[in-house]
Every structure is written in C-alpha cells, then in structure tokens.
Protein backbone atom coordinates (compact mmCIF):
# COMPACT_ATOMS: atom_id res chain seq x y z
CA MET A 1 -0.29 0.13 0.10
CA THR A 2 2.00 2.97 -0.91
CA PRO A 3 1.02 6.37 1.29
CA LYS A 4 -1.38 8.98 -0.28
CA PRO A 5 0.71 12.43 -1.45
CA ASN A 6 0.40 15.40 0.37
CA ASN A 7 -0.12 18.08 -2.12
CA ASN A 8 0.37 20.45 0.46
CA GLN A 9 3.72 19.42 1.45
CA TYR A 10 4.92 18.90 -2.06
CA ALA A 11 4.37 22.49 -3.11
CA LEU A 12 5.90 23.48 0.39
CA ASN A 13 9.16 21.27 -0.49
CA LEU A 14 9.14 22.56 -4.04
CA GLY A 15 8.90 26.28 -3.49
CA LEU A 16 11.78 26.15 -0.87
CA ALA A 17 13.98 23.96 -3.28
CA GLY A 18 13.27 26.72 -6.11
CA PHE A 19 14.35 29.56 -3.19
CA ALA A 20 17.25 28.06 -2.34
CA GLY A 21 18.24 27.46 -6.10
CA GLN A 22 17.68 31.18 -6.76
CA VAL A 23 19.66 32.20 -3.79
CA GLY A 24 22.38 29.88 -4.60
CA CYS A 25 22.52 31.44 -8.19
CA ILE A 26 22.50 34.62 -7.15
CA THR A 27 25.58 34.14 -4.21
CA LEU A 28 27.57 32.75 -6.76
CA LEU A 29 26.29 35.70 -9.66
CA ILE A 30 28.42 38.15 -6.81
CA VAL A 31 30.77 36.17 -5.53
CA PHE A 32 32.12 35.11 -9.12
CA GLY A 33 31.17 39.55 -9.99
CA ALA A 34 33.42 40.49 -7.26
CA LEU A 35 36.41 37.90 -8.09
CA PHE A 36 36.34 38.91 -11.48
CA GLY A 37 35.79 42.68 -11.41
CA GLY A 38 38.78 42.79 -8.41
CA LEU A 39 40.94 40.26 -11.00
CA TRP A 40 40.27 43.33 -13.56
CA LEU A 41 41.07 46.48 -11.56
CA ASP A 42 44.23 44.60 -10.18
CA GLY A 43 45.54 43.92 -13.49
CA PHE A 44 44.47 47.68 -14.79
CA LEU A 45 45.75 49.69 -11.94
CA ARG A 46 48.54 46.90 -10.90
CA THR A 47 47.93 46.84 -7.42
CA LYS A 48 47.38 43.01 -7.25
CA PRO A 49 45.71 41.78 -4.60
CA LEU A 50 44.20 44.74 -3.31
CA PHE A 51 41.07 45.09 -5.25
CA THR A 52 40.55 41.47 -5.60
CA ILE A 53 40.59 41.46 -2.00
CA VAL A 54 38.37 44.25 -1.04
CA LEU A 55 35.54 43.63 -3.64
CA LEU A 56 35.31 39.51 -1.90
CA ILE A 57 35.11 41.10 1.46
CA GLY A 58 32.62 43.82 0.20
CA SER A 59 30.34 41.17 -1.38
CA VAL A 60 29.16 39.55 1.73
CA PRO A 61 27.38 42.06 2.72
CA VAL A 62 26.04 42.42 -0.48
CA THR A 63 25.10 38.85 -0.62
CA ILE A 64 23.45 38.90 2.65
CA PHE A 65 21.35 41.93 1.71
CA VAL A 66 20.04 40.12 -1.95
CA MET A 67 19.37 37.27 0.13
CA PHE A 68 17.10 39.17 2.52
CA ARG A 69 15.41 41.15 -0.41
CA VAL A 70 14.68 37.50 -2.38
CA ALA A 71 13.59 35.78 0.90
CA LEU A 72 10.68 38.86 1.79
CA SER A 73 9.77 38.76 -1.77
CA ALA A 74 9.35 34.72 -1.92
CA VAL A 75 7.33 35.55 1.11
CA ALA A 76 5.40 37.90 0.33
CA LYS A 77 3.91 35.36 -2.69
CA ILE A 78 2.68 32.62 -0.28
CA LYS A 79 -0.60 32.37 -0.43
CA PRO A 80 -2.58 31.13 2.95
CA VAL A 81 -4.47 28.16 2.02
CA GLN A 82 -7.21 27.71 4.93
CA PRO A 83 -7.82 23.50 5.91
CA ALA A 84 -11.31 22.13 5.14
CA SER A 85 -11.99 22.52 9.06
CA ALA A 86 -11.11 26.37 9.23
CA ARG A 87 -13.73 27.83 6.26
CA PRO A 88 -16.76 28.80 7.34
CA VAL A 89 -19.93 26.76 7.14
CA LYS A 90 -23.01 28.00 5.15
CA GLU A 91 -25.97 28.17 7.68
CA GLU A 92 -29.82 27.12 6.36
CA ASN A 93 -32.17 29.81 7.38
CA PRO A 94 -35.21 27.35 8.47
CA SER A 95 -37.22 30.59 8.70
CA GLU A 96 -37.60 30.32 4.67
C-alpha cells in the first residue's frame, strides 16, 4: 500500500527548493562578479591583491542583503490556504 501524497507538503518542498536554488545562483553571481571585477581592476591598476580582496570581502554584506530581499519577495508571494475545517460553514435559514 503506497501512502497518499500530501499536495501541500509537495508544494512547500518545491517552493523551498526553488528558493534555495535562486539564492544559490544569485550568491554565485555576486561572488564571481566581485572576484573577476577585482582581478580586472588589479590588472588594470597594477595593485595585485588589493581590489580582489576588498571586493570579495565587500560582496559578503551585499550577498546577505540580496538574500534578505529575495526571501522577503518569496514570502510575499505565499498565499495561505485555509484547511477545510477552518472554512466558514454556510448556515441554512430554517425560516425560509
């Protein structure tokens, strides 16, 4: 006997996986952008490790801020679903 799938749990898991993937990709883009930008600036200005280190350290608060904003936008898109027991029951009027 196979267990009955829980659609709400499946949707939650799918949403969390999408959120984690989005945050991971954005983090990689910011870190690689800081790395390559720092390497380019160091090569252009001949200041070997200075800009690479500064930009990589500076990418940490930027990444945290972007993750926070992405999390807020994901939470704003969540639409709560009322369970069947919490929905208002239509009362019949016996006087009609």
